[in-house]
Amino acid sequence: MTKKNHDADVAFIKALAELLRENDLTELQVKRDYSDDDSLNVRVSRHVQQQVVAQVAAPAPAAVAAQAAPAAAPADAAPNDDPANDPGAVTSPMVGTVYMQAEPGADPFISVGKTVAEGDTLLIVEAMKTMNHIPAPRAGTIKRILVEDGAAVEFGTPLVILA
């Protein structure tokens, strides 16, 4: 690749990153073909913190008084039950659709309690008609499966908890 192509590619990637930011996108993938044996395949992604806003009708005055004295949390309750914070969480590396088995009707790759080795396929995330096998980052036992077959996931979505 020539210096001219390199400079143009860097400018192209910067422009993609700007498009990502301006349009509030989480991921963008583009392939440029220069010739039969020369191409550029770029995927630009960013982590976006999602903010959930819930609208709740104002409670009656009696309900407000009942809420004023919150009950103590049970001693065995986890202080933060967010699966993304679990040290065994395996997250999605891309935006796509989750498949739990290689093809419809086949046995799922994993189930709760199953032991997996490092590199074993946990599930598939389809992105842009490409089936991406998500490997186990380490050996362990499947503690929780956090997604359902056919579910849409974002970049960074917790998929599985490994113990």
C-alpha atoms as a PDB file:
ATOM      1  CA  MET A   1       0.000   0.000   0.000  1.00  0.00           C
ATOM      2  CA  THR A   2       1.355   3.407  -0.860  1.00  0.00           C
ATOM      3  CA  LYS A   3       1.798   6.351   1.490  1.00  0.00           C
ATOM      4  CA  LYS A   4      -1.000   8.132  -0.402  1.00  0.00           C
ATOM      5  CA  ASN A   5      -3.448   5.263   0.331  1.00  0.00           C
ATOM      6  CA  HIS A   6      -2.337   5.209   3.977  1.00  0.00           C
ATOM      7  CA  ASP A   7      -3.007   8.939   4.430  1.00  0.00           C
ATOM      8  CA  ALA A   8      -6.369   8.625   2.682  1.00  0.00           C
ATOM      9  CA  ASP A   9      -7.288   5.629   4.859  1.00  0.00           C
ATOM     10  CA  VAL A  10      -6.454   7.521   8.054  1.00  0.00           C
ATOM     11  CA  ALA A  11      -8.613  10.448   6.901  1.00  0.00           C
ATOM     12  CA  PHE A  12     -11.383   7.994   5.988  1.00  0.00           C
ATOM     13  CA  ILE A  13     -11.283   6.360   9.423  1.00  0.00           C
ATOM     14  CA  LYS A  14     -11.374   9.760  11.136  1.00  0.00           C
ATOM     15  CA  ALA A  15     -14.408  10.677   9.033  1.00  0.00           C
ATOM     16  CA  LEU A  16     -16.124   7.413  10.055  1.00  0.00           C
ATOM     17  CA  ALA A  17     -15.458   8.157  13.725  1.00  0.00           C
ATOM     18  CA  GLU A  18     -16.957  11.623  13.256  1.00  0.00           C
ATOM     19  CA  LEU A  19     -20.053  10.092  11.568  1.00  0.00           C
ATOM     20  CA  LEU A  20     -20.387   7.717  14.503  1.00  0.00           C
ATOM     21  CA  ARG A  21     -20.345  10.593  16.991  1.00  0.00           C
ATOM     22  CA  GLU A  22     -22.548  12.996  15.002  1.00  0.00           C
ATOM     23  CA  ASN A  23     -25.265  10.412  14.368  1.00  0.00           C
ATOM     24  CA  ASP A  24     -25.095   8.865  17.850  1.00  0.00           C
ATOM     25  CA  LEU A  25     -24.291   5.412  16.463  1.00  0.00           C
ATOM     26  CA  THR A  26     -22.631   2.614  18.441  1.00  0.00           C
ATOM     27  CA  GLU A  27     -20.926   0.813  15.549  1.00  0.00           C
ATOM     28  CA  LEU A  28     -20.106   1.286  11.886  1.00  0.00           C
ATOM     29  CA  GLN A  29     -18.394  -1.170   9.516  1.00  0.00           C
ATOM     30  CA  VAL A  30     -17.185  -0.417   5.987  1.00  0.00           C
ATOM     31  CA  LYS A  31     -15.123  -2.315   3.416  1.00  0.00           C
ATOM     32  CA  ARG A  32     -13.230  -0.530   0.650  1.00  0.00           C
ATOM     33  CA  ASP A  33     -11.910  -2.562  -2.280  1.00  0.00           C
ATOM     34  CA  TYR A  34      -8.973  -0.949  -4.067  1.00  0.00           C
ATOM     35  CA  SER A  35      -8.143  -3.920  -6.306  1.00  0.00           C
ATOM     36  CA  ASP A  36      -8.403  -7.717  -6.273  1.00  0.00           C
ATOM     37  CA  ASP A  37      -5.665  -8.077  -3.652  1.00  0.00           C
ATOM     38  CA  ASP A  38      -5.881  -4.720  -1.868  1.00  0.00           C
ATOM     39  CA  SER A  39      -8.751  -3.702   0.394  1.00  0.00           C
ATOM     40  CA  LEU A  40      -9.504  -1.944   3.662  1.00  0.00           C
ATOM     41  CA  ASN A  41     -12.013  -3.354   6.166  1.00  0.00           C
ATOM     42  CA  VAL A  42     -12.796  -0.961   9.038  1.00  0.00           C
ATOM     43  CA  ARG A  43     -15.107  -1.338  12.030  1.00  0.00           C
ATOM     44  CA  VAL A  44     -15.434   1.668  14.330  1.00  0.00           C
ATOM     45  CA  SER A  45     -17.394   1.238  17.550  1.00  0.00           C
ATOM     46  CA  ARG A  46     -17.906   3.036  20.807  1.00  0.00           C
ATOM     47  CA  HIS A  47     -19.398   2.227  24.167  1.00  0.00           C
ATOM     48  CA  VAL A  48     -22.524   4.242  24.887  1.00  0.00           C
ATOM     49  CA  GLN A  49     -23.951   4.486  28.374  1.00  0.00           C
ATOM     50  CA  GLN A  50     -27.683   4.046  28.151  1.00  0.00           C
ATOM     51  CA  GLN A  51     -29.870   6.054  30.439  1.00  0.00           C
ATOM     52  CA  VAL A  52     -33.300   4.678  31.283  1.00  0.00           C
ATOM     53  CA  VAL A  53     -35.975   7.147  32.250  1.00  0.00           C
ATOM     54  CA  ALA A  54     -39.163   5.794  33.764  1.00  0.00           C
ATOM     55  CA  GLN A  55     -42.309   7.812  34.186  1.00  0.00           C
ATOM     56  CA  VAL A  56     -44.334   6.887  37.249  1.00  0.00           C
ATOM     57  CA  ALA A  57     -47.661   8.345  38.313  1.00  0.00           C
ATOM     58  CA  ALA A  58     -47.475  10.318  41.562  1.00  0.00           C
ATOM     59  CA  PRO A  59     -48.311   8.021  44.512  1.00  0.00           C
ATOM     60  CA  ALA A  60     -51.136   8.788  46.886  1.00  0.00           C
ATOM     61  CA  PRO A  61     -50.132  10.541  50.174  1.00  0.00           C
ATOM     62  CA  ALA A  62     -50.559   7.298  52.163  1.00  0.00           C
ATOM     63  CA  ALA A  63     -48.179   5.512  49.787  1.00  0.00           C
ATOM     64  CA  VAL A  64     -45.599   8.295  50.219  1.00  0.00           C
ATOM     65  CA  ALA A  65     -45.662   7.803  53.995  1.00  0.00           C
ATOM     66  CA  ALA A  66     -45.206   4.049  53.571  1.00  0.00           C
ATOM     67  CA  GLN A  67     -42.191   4.647  51.281  1.00  0.00           C
ATOM     68  CA  ALA A  68     -40.554   7.051  53.740  1.00  0.00           C
ATOM     69  CA  ALA A  69     -39.212   4.190  55.891  1.00  0.00           C
ATOM     70  CA  PRO A  70     -37.447   1.824  53.469  1.00  0.00           C
ATOM     71  CA  ALA A  71     -37.045  -1.779  54.558  1.00  0.00           C
ATOM     72  CA  ALA A  72     -33.532  -3.036  55.182  1.00  0.00           C
ATOM     73  CA  ALA A  73     -32.038  -5.088  52.376  1.00  0.00           C
ATOM     74  CA  PRO A  74     -31.699  -8.797  53.128  1.00  0.00           C
ATOM     75  CA  ALA A  75     -28.234  -9.730  54.379  1.00  0.00           C
ATOM     76  CA  ASP A  76     -27.675 -12.169  51.510  1.00  0.00           C
ATOM     77  CA  ALA A  77     -28.643  -9.679  48.763  1.00  0.00           C
ATOM     78  CA  ALA A  78     -25.782  -8.550  46.538  1.00  0.00           C
ATOM     79  CA  PRO A  79     -25.073  -4.808  46.798  1.00  0.00           C
ATOM     80  CA  ASN A  80     -24.895  -4.534  42.988  1.00  0.00           C
ATOM     81  CA  ASP A  81     -26.734  -7.203  41.017  1.00  0.00           C
ATOM     82  CA  ASP A  82     -25.702  -5.799  37.609  1.00  0.00           C
ATOM     83  CA  PRO A  83     -24.394  -8.752  35.544  1.00  0.00           C
ATOM     84  CA  ALA A  84     -22.053  -6.444  33.617  1.00  0.00           C
ATOM     85  CA  ASN A  85     -20.076  -5.903  36.827  1.00  0.00           C
ATOM     86  CA  ASP A  86     -19.644  -9.621  37.486  1.00  0.00           C
ATOM     87  CA  PRO A  87     -15.985 -10.644  37.041  1.00  0.00           C
ATOM     88  CA  GLY A  88     -17.113 -13.706  35.064  1.00  0.00           C
ATOM     89  CA  ALA A  89     -19.244 -11.731  32.587  1.00  0.00           C
ATOM     90  CA  VAL A  90     -18.652 -12.405  28.900  1.00  0.00           C
ATOM     91  CA  THR A  91     -19.884  -9.413  26.878  1.00  0.00           C
ATOM     92  CA  SER A  92     -20.834  -8.991  23.253  1.00  0.00           C
ATOM     93  CA  PRO A  93     -18.009  -7.653  21.100  1.00  0.00           C
ATOM     94  CA  MET A  94     -20.497  -6.275  18.562  1.00  0.00           C
ATOM     95  CA  VAL A  95     -24.066  -5.310  17.755  1.00  0.00           C
ATOM     96  CA  GLY A  96     -26.076  -8.215  16.375  1.00  0.00           C
ATOM     97  CA  THR A  97     -28.467 -11.097  16.947  1.00  0.00           C
ATOM     98  CA  VAL A  98     -27.663 -13.938  19.359  1.00  0.00           C
ATOM     99  CA  TYR A  99     -28.011 -17.585  18.379  1.00  0.00           C
ATOM    100  CA  MET A 100     -27.571 -20.280  21.017  1.00  0.00           C
ATOM    101  CA  GLN A 101     -27.006 -23.139  18.542  1.00  0.00           C
ATOM    102  CA  ALA A 102     -25.236 -23.655  15.211  1.00  0.00           C
ATOM    103  CA  GLU A 103     -28.498 -24.152  13.296  1.00  0.00           C
ATOM    104  CA  PRO A 104     -32.220 -24.320  14.083  1.00  0.00           C
ATOM    105  CA  GLY A 105     -33.103 -27.566  15.856  1.00  0.00           C
ATOM    106  CA  ALA A 106     -29.510 -28.317  16.910  1.00  0.00           C
ATOM    107  CA  ASP A 107     -28.434 -28.646  20.543  1.00  0.00           C
ATOM    108  CA  PRO A 108     -27.421 -25.349  22.167  1.00  0.00           C
ATOM    109  CA  PHE A 109     -23.699 -24.674  22.601  1.00  0.00           C
ATOM    110  CA  ILE A 110     -24.074 -24.124  26.360  1.00  0.00           C
ATOM    111  CA  SER A 111     -26.447 -24.625  29.278  1.00  0.00           C
ATOM    112  CA  VAL A 112     -26.340 -23.552  32.925  1.00  0.00           C
ATOM    113  CA  GLY A 113     -23.947 -25.796  34.832  1.00  0.00           C
ATOM    114  CA  LYS A 114     -22.019 -26.932  31.751  1.00  0.00           C
ATOM    115  CA  THR A 115     -18.217 -26.830  31.972  1.00  0.00           C
ATOM    116  CA  VAL A 116     -16.436 -25.101  29.071  1.00  0.00           C
ATOM    117  CA  ALA A 117     -12.786 -24.920  28.071  1.00  0.00           C
ATOM    118  CA  GLU A 118     -11.028 -21.756  26.971  1.00  0.00           C
ATOM    119  CA  GLY A 119     -11.899 -21.118  23.322  1.00  0.00           C
ATOM    120  CA  ASP A 120     -15.103 -23.214  23.283  1.00  0.00           C
ATOM    121  CA  THR A 121     -17.960 -21.527  21.410  1.00  0.00           C
ATOM    122  CA  LEU A 122     -20.465 -20.075  23.877  1.00  0.00           C
ATOM    123  CA  LEU A 123     -22.888 -18.713  21.293  1.00  0.00           C
ATOM    124  CA  ILE A 124     -23.020 -16.933  17.934  1.00  0.00           C
ATOM    125  CA  VAL A 125     -23.640 -13.240  17.291  1.00  0.00           C
ATOM    126  CA  GLU A 126     -24.801 -12.545  13.744  1.00  0.00           C
ATOM    127  CA  ALA A 127     -23.761  -9.145  12.449  1.00  0.00           C
ATOM    128  CA  MET A 128     -24.269  -8.082   8.844  1.00  0.00           C
ATOM    129  CA  LYS A 129     -25.015 -11.654   7.698  1.00  0.00           C
ATOM    130  CA  THR A 130     -21.751 -12.902   9.278  1.00  0.00           C
ATOM    131  CA  MET A 131     -21.910 -15.559  12.002  1.00  0.00           C
ATOM    132  CA  ASN A 132     -19.371 -14.653  14.699  1.00  0.00           C
ATOM    133  CA  HIS A 133     -18.606 -17.437  17.166  1.00  0.00           C
ATOM    134  CA  ILE A 134     -18.094 -16.005  20.668  1.00  0.00           C
ATOM    135  CA  PRO A 135     -15.394 -18.066  22.430  1.00  0.00           C
ATOM    136  CA  ALA A 136     -15.032 -18.665  26.157  1.00  0.00           C
ATOM    137  CA  PRO A 137     -12.252 -16.318  27.363  1.00  0.00           C
ATOM    138  CA  ARG A 138     -11.231 -18.898  29.968  1.00  0.00           C
ATOM    139  CA  ALA A 139     -12.224 -22.321  31.266  1.00  0.00           C
ATOM    140  CA  GLY A 140     -15.114 -22.415  33.720  1.00  0.00           C
ATOM    141  CA  THR A 141     -18.699 -23.380  34.416  1.00  0.00           C
ATOM    142  CA  ILE A 142     -21.703 -21.561  32.957  1.00  0.00           C
ATOM    143  CA  LYS A 143     -23.298 -19.824  35.940  1.00  0.00           C
ATOM    144  CA  ARG A 144     -25.950 -17.776  34.101  1.00  0.00           C
ATOM    145  CA  ILE A 145     -27.113 -17.224  30.533  1.00  0.00           C
ATOM    146  CA  LEU A 146     -28.307 -13.632  30.243  1.00  0.00           C
ATOM    147  CA  VAL A 147     -29.686 -13.592  26.681  1.00  0.00           C
ATOM    148  CA  GLU A 148     -32.286 -15.567  24.764  1.00  0.00           C
ATOM    149  CA  ASP A 149     -31.947 -17.168  21.356  1.00  0.00           C
ATOM    150  CA  GLY A 150     -32.764 -14.610  18.657  1.00  0.00           C
ATOM    151  CA  ALA A 151     -32.316 -11.608  20.970  1.00  0.00           C
ATOM    152  CA  ALA A 152     -30.740  -8.395  19.682  1.00  0.00           C
ATOM    153  CA  VAL A 153     -27.634  -7.280  21.572  1.00  0.00           C
ATOM    154  CA  GLU A 154     -25.531  -4.126  21.655  1.00  0.00           C
ATOM    155  CA  PHE A 155     -21.777  -3.824  21.976  1.00  0.00           C
ATOM    156  CA  GLY A 156     -20.852  -4.615  25.608  1.00  0.00           C
ATOM    157  CA  THR A 157     -24.116  -6.384  26.472  1.00  0.00           C
ATOM    158  CA  PRO A 158     -23.422  -9.132  29.066  1.00  0.00           C
ATOM    159  CA  LEU A 159     -24.176 -12.503  27.447  1.00  0.00           C
ATOM    160  CA  VAL A 160     -23.026 -15.184  29.899  1.00  0.00           C
ATOM    161  CA  ILE A 161     -21.575 -15.401  33.418  1.00  0.00           C
ATOM    162  CA  LEU A 162     -18.696 -17.865  33.827  1.00  0.00           C
ATOM    163  CA  ALA A 163     -17.845 -19.131  37.301  1.00  0.00           C
END
